[in-house]
Amino acid sequence: MYNGKIIDSHFHAYAGKDCEDFLQDLMMKSGLDGICIASIPKGLAHGEHFYNEEALKLKMENPGKIYFFGGLDYSDKSYLKGKVDFAKQAKKLFDAGADGIKMLEGKPNARKTLGLPIDSSIFDSYYSYMQENSFPIILHVADPEEFWDPDKASDFAKEHGWFWGDGSFPSKEQLYAETEGVLKKFPKLKLILAHFYFMSADVGKASEFMDKWKNVSFDITPGYEMYHNFSKHPSAWKSFFMKYSGRIFFGTDNTAPSDGNSREHLNCSAARIAEMRKFLETDNEVFSGRGLKLDRDSLKKIYSGNFLRAISH
């Protein structure tokens, strides 16, 4: 098994809840060397995970162990008229000690509430500031395509309110077009697309995108479908992971417990990490097929090297 540094670049916590003990326990149990708390934007969707102040405090108290990507604040709805300075918000976060920005603005429900395309000119000064300073953004765009299809959307997705096919949400194609709109204006933006940009069903399409946008990275924070797709075609995906190993980020989407330090919650979080590691480090049976058994150099980049380079600014 790989024994180098491992950093979870994509973790969530609950607003107002102290999760320091849980983070320490999870790192100890799972062999993690660090965890990056990704705060969700305020005022759009899933606001219970807006965690800017709490995460900054944890980072300062745990240097080199806890990292922090801040969320923008949409509480002032005058942003719709271009009267909120998001670049100023970002600068304030970085001045306080943030390592990057986490954007949920491209997830269908958040994008619907946002009321603006993510490539709107209202965001231009913000993206420009991020690009000029080489500050990283983790951006969630779209969701699995099944979530728009009433016949294919899982019960799990429907139960969580993640069915987007009623006509009131932007399509996956529209969200992808908006993302490319951002990249056309800001091609050097340090953009990390969460959940593999929901391209795990098409290695050719994923390769095309990576070749077109040289400064973009994917994180492998699991969506429910992702690792099943990967493991069904291990040879093709192993080649992809090795070719683009310098642009793939390890992340789990684990969350701190909403109420106390639940032992069961800790065990489930650790089990997710163990299964992901099994997929990356071995060619054993896992998920719906086999793992990739990546070489040590690729693992080093994916597990921590790419993240540490991204936040070095």
Protein backbone atom coordinates (compact mmCIF):
# COMPACT_ATOMS: atom_id res chain seq x y z
CA MET A 1 0.00 0.00 0.00
CA TYR A 2 1.05 3.58 -0.65
CA ASN A 3 2.69 5.15 2.41
CA GLY A 4 3.23 8.72 1.22
CA LYS A 5 1.34 11.90 2.07
CA ILE A 6 -2.43 11.86 1.49
CA ILE A 7 -4.63 14.97 1.65
CA ASP A 8 -8.40 14.90 1.26
CA SER A 9 -8.98 18.03 -0.84
CA HIS A 10 -12.79 18.01 -0.65
CA PHE A 11 -14.48 17.72 2.77
CA HIS A 12 -17.59 19.44 4.19
CA ALA A 13 -18.67 20.48 7.67
CA TYR A 14 -21.85 21.83 9.25
CA ALA A 15 -22.21 25.51 10.06
CA GLY A 16 -21.71 26.26 13.72
CA LYS A 17 -20.54 22.73 14.56
CA ASP A 18 -17.03 22.15 15.89
CA CYS A 19 -15.55 19.23 13.95
CA GLU A 20 -11.93 19.35 15.12
CA ASP A 21 -12.09 16.10 17.10
CA PHE A 22 -13.74 14.33 14.18
CA LEU A 23 -11.09 15.56 11.74
CA GLN A 24 -8.30 14.37 14.01
CA ASP A 25 -9.97 10.97 14.49
CA LEU A 26 -10.57 10.57 10.75
CA MET A 27 -6.98 11.43 9.86
CA MET A 28 -5.72 8.97 12.44
CA LYS A 29 -8.07 6.16 11.40
CA SER A 30 -7.61 6.62 7.64
CA GLY A 31 -3.93 7.52 7.42
CA LEU A 32 -4.64 11.01 6.08
CA ASP A 33 -2.05 13.74 6.50
CA GLY A 34 -4.41 16.62 5.88
CA ILE A 35 -8.00 17.60 5.11
CA CYS A 36 -9.28 20.59 3.16
CA ILE A 37 -12.64 21.92 4.32
CA ALA A 38 -14.66 23.20 1.36
CA SER A 39 -17.18 25.80 2.51
CA ILE A 40 -20.37 25.99 0.46
CA PRO A 41 -21.46 29.46 -0.79
CA LYS A 42 -23.97 31.27 1.41
CA GLY A 43 -27.46 32.04 0.17
CA LEU A 44 -27.85 29.55 -2.71
CA ALA A 45 -28.26 25.87 -1.75
CA HIS A 46 -26.98 23.58 0.99
CA GLY A 47 -26.17 26.59 3.14
CA GLU A 48 -25.78 24.35 6.17
CA HIS A 49 -22.25 23.77 4.86
CA PHE A 50 -21.24 27.45 4.79
CA TYR A 51 -18.20 27.23 7.08
CA ASN A 52 -15.87 30.13 6.38
CA GLU A 53 -15.18 31.42 9.88
CA GLU A 54 -15.08 28.01 11.53
CA ALA A 55 -12.72 26.59 8.89
CA LEU A 56 -10.35 29.55 9.12
CA LYS A 57 -10.12 29.05 12.88
CA LEU A 58 -9.43 25.32 12.47
CA LYS A 59 -6.76 26.01 9.86
CA MET A 60 -4.96 28.49 12.08
CA GLU A 61 -5.03 26.05 14.99
CA ASN A 62 -3.87 23.09 12.86
CA PRO A 63 -1.25 24.40 10.40
CA GLY A 64 -0.23 21.91 7.74
CA LYS A 65 -3.12 19.63 8.69
CA ILE A 66 -6.29 21.59 7.96
CA TYR A 67 -6.75 23.56 4.75
CA PHE A 68 -9.65 25.77 3.70
CA PHE A 69 -11.48 26.73 0.51
CA GLY A 70 -13.96 29.53 1.22
CA GLY A 71 -17.44 30.12 -0.16
CA LEU A 72 -18.78 33.38 -1.60
CA ASP A 73 -21.71 35.14 0.08
CA TYR A 74 -24.91 35.78 -1.91
CA SER A 75 -26.98 37.12 0.99
CA ASP A 76 -27.11 40.57 -0.62
CA LYS A 77 -29.34 40.02 -3.66
CA SER A 78 -28.13 43.23 -5.26
CA TYR A 79 -25.48 40.97 -6.81
CA LEU A 80 -28.08 40.39 -9.52
CA LYS A 81 -27.56 44.03 -10.55
CA GLY A 82 -23.78 43.78 -10.36
CA LYS A 83 -23.58 45.67 -7.07
CA VAL A 84 -21.70 43.02 -5.05
CA ASP A 85 -17.93 42.87 -5.45
CA PHE A 86 -17.05 39.16 -5.47
CA ALA A 87 -13.39 39.90 -6.14
CA LYS A 88 -13.36 41.90 -2.91
CA GLN A 89 -14.98 38.98 -1.08
CA ALA A 90 -12.33 36.62 -2.41
CA LYS A 91 -9.50 38.98 -1.48
CA LYS A 92 -10.84 39.21 2.06
CA LEU A 93 -10.86 35.41 2.32
CA PHE A 94 -7.31 35.05 1.04
CA ASP A 95 -6.07 37.85 3.28
CA ALA A 96 -7.56 35.93 6.21
CA GLY A 97 -5.78 32.72 5.20
CA ALA A 98 -7.96 30.81 2.72
CA ASP A 99 -6.22 28.41 0.32
CA GLY A 100 -8.82 28.65 -2.44
CA ILE A 101 -12.51 29.15 -3.24
CA LYS A 102 -15.17 26.44 -3.41
CA MET A 103 -18.01 27.14 -5.84
CA LEU A 104 -21.27 25.20 -5.92
CA GLU A 105 -22.72 27.73 -8.35
CA GLY A 106 -22.76 25.22 -11.23
CA LYS A 107 -24.86 22.58 -9.43
CA PRO A 108 -28.39 22.69 -10.91
CA ASN A 109 -30.26 23.75 -7.77
CA ALA A 110 -27.62 26.31 -6.78
CA ARG A 111 -27.46 27.63 -10.35
CA LYS A 112 -31.25 27.98 -10.43
CA THR A 113 -31.22 29.98 -7.19
CA LEU A 114 -28.24 32.02 -8.40
CA GLY A 115 -30.32 33.34 -11.28
CA LEU A 116 -27.26 34.03 -13.43
CA PRO A 117 -25.04 31.98 -15.73
CA ILE A 118 -21.70 31.21 -14.12
CA ASP A 119 -20.00 32.96 -17.05
CA SER A 120 -21.98 36.17 -16.45
CA SER A 121 -19.97 39.38 -16.75
CA ILE A 122 -20.95 40.05 -13.13
CA PHE A 123 -18.28 37.51 -12.17
CA ASP A 124 -15.57 38.81 -14.53
CA SER A 125 -13.66 40.85 -11.96
CA TYR A 126 -13.73 37.88 -9.56
CA TYR A 127 -12.45 35.38 -12.12
CA SER A 128 -9.85 37.90 -13.25
CA TYR A 129 -8.63 38.34 -9.68
CA MET A 130 -8.42 34.57 -9.20
CA GLN A 131 -6.57 34.07 -12.49
CA GLU A 132 -4.10 36.91 -11.94
CA ASN A 133 -3.16 35.56 -8.50
CA SER A 134 -3.18 31.86 -9.50
CA PHE A 135 -5.69 31.13 -6.74
CA PRO A 136 -7.49 27.78 -7.19
CA ILE A 137 -11.25 27.26 -7.49
CA ILE A 138 -13.03 23.96 -6.87
CA LEU A 139 -16.16 24.25 -9.03
CA HIS A 140 -19.12 21.86 -9.00
CA VAL A 141 -20.75 21.82 -12.43
CA ALA A 142 -23.83 19.77 -13.36
CA ASP A 143 -24.59 16.31 -11.92
CA PRO A 144 -24.91 12.79 -13.36
CA GLU A 145 -26.98 12.99 -16.55
CA GLU A 146 -29.46 10.48 -15.12
CA PHE A 147 -30.64 13.15 -12.68
CA TRP A 148 -32.47 14.87 -15.56
CA ASP A 149 -34.25 11.67 -16.70
CA PRO A 150 -37.32 10.60 -14.67
CA ASP A 151 -36.89 6.99 -15.79
CA LYS A 152 -33.20 6.78 -14.94
CA ALA A 153 -32.87 8.98 -11.85
CA SER A 154 -32.28 6.77 -8.83
CA ASP A 155 -34.56 6.69 -5.81
CA PHE A 156 -31.55 8.01 -3.85
CA ALA A 157 -31.34 11.08 -6.08
CA LYS A 158 -35.08 11.71 -5.94
CA GLU A 159 -35.18 11.30 -2.15
CA HIS A 160 -32.44 13.93 -1.82
CA GLY A 161 -34.25 16.37 -4.11
CA TRP A 162 -31.71 15.92 -6.90
CA PHE A 163 -34.08 15.37 -9.82
CA TRP A 164 -33.55 18.15 -12.35
CA GLY A 165 -35.84 17.08 -15.18
CA ASP A 166 -38.98 19.12 -14.44
CA GLY A 167 -37.98 21.91 -16.83
CA SER A 168 -37.13 24.48 -14.18
CA PHE A 169 -33.43 23.67 -13.92
CA PRO A 170 -30.66 24.35 -16.45
CA SER A 171 -29.64 21.37 -18.56
CA LYS A 172 -26.30 19.64 -18.26
CA GLU A 173 -25.40 20.94 -21.72
CA GLN A 174 -26.15 24.52 -20.68
CA LEU A 175 -24.01 24.20 -17.55
CA TYR A 176 -21.13 22.79 -19.60
CA ALA A 177 -21.50 25.66 -22.10
CA GLU A 178 -21.35 28.20 -19.27
CA THR A 179 -18.20 26.55 -17.90
CA GLU A 180 -16.53 26.79 -21.28
CA GLY A 181 -17.69 30.40 -21.41
CA VAL A 182 -15.70 31.05 -18.24
CA LEU A 183 -12.65 29.28 -19.65
CA LYS A 184 -12.77 31.14 -22.96
CA LYS A 185 -12.55 34.42 -21.06
CA PHE A 186 -10.09 33.17 -18.44
CA PRO A 187 -8.08 30.30 -20.01
CA LYS A 188 -5.38 30.41 -17.32
CA LEU A 189 -7.85 30.14 -14.45
CA LYS A 190 -6.73 27.48 -11.97
CA LEU A 191 -9.99 25.52 -12.09
CA ILE A 192 -10.53 22.16 -10.38
CA LEU A 193 -13.79 20.61 -11.58
CA ALA A 194 -15.39 18.55 -8.83
CA HIS A 195 -16.66 15.00 -9.23
CA PHE A 196 -14.64 14.47 -12.41
CA TYR A 197 -16.93 16.96 -14.17
CA PHE A 198 -19.41 14.06 -14.33
CA MET A 199 -17.56 12.59 -17.32
CA SER A 200 -16.76 9.18 -15.84
CA ALA A 201 -18.93 7.39 -18.41
CA ASP A 202 -16.86 8.61 -21.38
CA VAL A 203 -13.07 8.42 -21.27
CA GLY A 204 -12.81 9.89 -24.78
CA LYS A 205 -14.86 12.94 -23.90
CA ALA A 206 -12.90 13.45 -20.67
CA SER A 207 -9.60 13.25 -22.58
CA GLU A 208 -10.84 15.71 -25.19
CA PHE A 209 -11.78 18.21 -22.51
CA MET A 210 -8.46 17.89 -20.68
CA ASP A 211 -6.55 18.37 -23.94
CA LYS A 212 -8.59 21.43 -24.86
CA TRP A 213 -8.22 23.20 -21.50
CA LYS A 214 -4.66 22.71 -20.30
CA ASN A 215 -5.06 24.52 -16.97
CA VAL A 216 -8.13 22.61 -15.82
CA SER A 217 -8.00 19.71 -13.36
CA PHE A 218 -10.55 17.14 -12.17
CA ASP A 219 -11.08 15.94 -8.65
CA ILE A 220 -12.14 12.34 -8.03
CA THR A 221 -14.52 13.12 -5.21
CA PRO A 222 -17.04 10.32 -5.67
CA GLY A 223 -20.43 10.74 -7.18
CA TYR A 224 -22.48 7.59 -6.73
CA GLU A 225 -21.82 6.50 -10.33
CA MET A 226 -18.19 7.51 -10.82
CA TYR A 227 -16.17 4.63 -9.45
CA HIS A 228 -18.53 2.05 -10.90
CA ASN A 229 -17.89 3.57 -14.34
CA PHE A 230 -14.13 3.68 -13.76
CA SER A 231 -13.87 0.12 -12.49
CA LYS A 232 -15.79 -1.35 -15.43
CA HIS A 233 -13.04 -0.20 -17.81
CA PRO A 234 -9.86 -0.25 -15.72
CA SER A 235 -7.40 -0.42 -18.61
CA ALA A 236 -8.71 2.69 -20.39
CA TRP A 237 -9.04 4.65 -17.18
CA LYS A 238 -5.62 3.63 -15.92
CA SER A 239 -4.12 5.13 -19.07
CA PHE A 240 -6.12 8.31 -18.49
CA PHE A 241 -5.12 8.60 -14.84
CA MET A 242 -1.46 8.11 -15.67
CA LYS A 243 -1.49 10.55 -18.59
CA TYR A 244 -3.22 13.29 -16.58
CA SER A 245 -1.86 12.38 -13.14
CA GLY A 246 -0.63 15.94 -12.70
CA ARG A 247 -4.19 17.25 -12.99
CA ILE A 248 -6.21 14.87 -10.79
CA PHE A 249 -7.01 15.62 -7.13
CA PHE A 250 -7.94 13.15 -4.40
CA GLY A 251 -11.07 14.14 -2.47
CA THR A 252 -13.82 12.27 -0.68
CA ASP A 253 -16.88 14.53 -0.17
CA ASN A 254 -16.97 13.19 3.38
CA THR A 255 -18.73 15.37 5.92
CA ALA A 256 -18.34 15.91 9.62
CA PRO A 257 -21.26 14.56 11.65
CA SER A 258 -24.11 17.01 12.09
CA ASP A 259 -24.49 16.08 15.74
CA GLY A 260 -21.55 14.96 17.86
CA ASN A 261 -18.69 12.63 17.02
CA SER A 262 -20.64 9.61 15.82
CA ARG A 263 -18.58 6.43 15.79
CA GLU A 264 -20.71 5.02 12.98
CA HIS A 265 -20.20 8.18 10.92
CA LEU A 266 -16.45 7.96 11.46
CA ASN A 267 -16.39 4.32 10.37
CA CYS A 268 -18.40 5.05 7.22
CA SER A 269 -16.11 7.96 6.32
CA ALA A 270 -13.02 5.83 6.84
CA ALA A 271 -14.54 2.99 4.79
CA ARG A 272 -15.09 5.35 1.85
CA ILE A 273 -11.43 6.38 1.95
CA ALA A 274 -10.29 2.75 2.18
CA GLU A 275 -12.39 1.75 -0.83
CA MET A 276 -11.11 4.67 -2.90
CA ARG A 277 -7.54 3.77 -1.99
CA LYS A 278 -8.14 0.14 -2.92
CA PHE A 279 -9.34 1.31 -6.33
CA LEU A 280 -6.33 3.56 -6.92
CA GLU A 281 -3.62 1.36 -5.44
CA THR A 282 -4.61 -2.21 -6.39
CA ASP A 283 -6.10 -4.15 -9.28
CA ASN A 284 -8.34 -6.13 -6.95
CA GLU A 285 -12.08 -6.42 -7.42
CA VAL A 286 -13.74 -3.21 -6.23
CA PHE A 287 -16.97 -1.35 -7.01
CA SER A 288 -18.26 -2.85 -10.29
CA GLY A 289 -14.95 -4.12 -11.63
CA ARG A 290 -11.28 -3.74 -10.80
CA GLY A 291 -8.92 -1.12 -9.49
CA LEU A 292 -6.25 0.75 -11.44
CA LYS A 293 -3.08 -0.12 -9.49
CA LEU A 294 -1.41 3.19 -10.30
CA ASP A 295 2.34 3.69 -10.04
CA ARG A 296 3.79 5.50 -7.03
CA ASP A 297 4.61 8.69 -8.93
CA SER A 298 1.01 9.05 -10.13
CA LEU A 299 -0.33 8.33 -6.65
CA LYS A 300 1.96 10.93 -5.11
CA LYS A 301 0.61 13.62 -7.44
CA ILE A 302 -3.03 12.62 -7.04
CA TYR A 303 -2.96 12.13 -3.27
CA SER A 304 -1.24 15.38 -2.32
CA GLY A 305 1.28 16.79 -4.80
CA ASN A 306 -1.23 18.44 -7.11
CA PHE A 307 -3.16 19.96 -4.22
CA LEU A 308 -0.09 21.36 -2.51
CA ARG A 309 1.12 22.82 -5.81
CA ALA A 310 -2.29 24.38 -6.48
CA ILE A 311 -2.40 26.20 -3.15
CA SER A 312 1.20 27.39 -3.36
CA HIS A 313 -0.01 30.41 -5.41
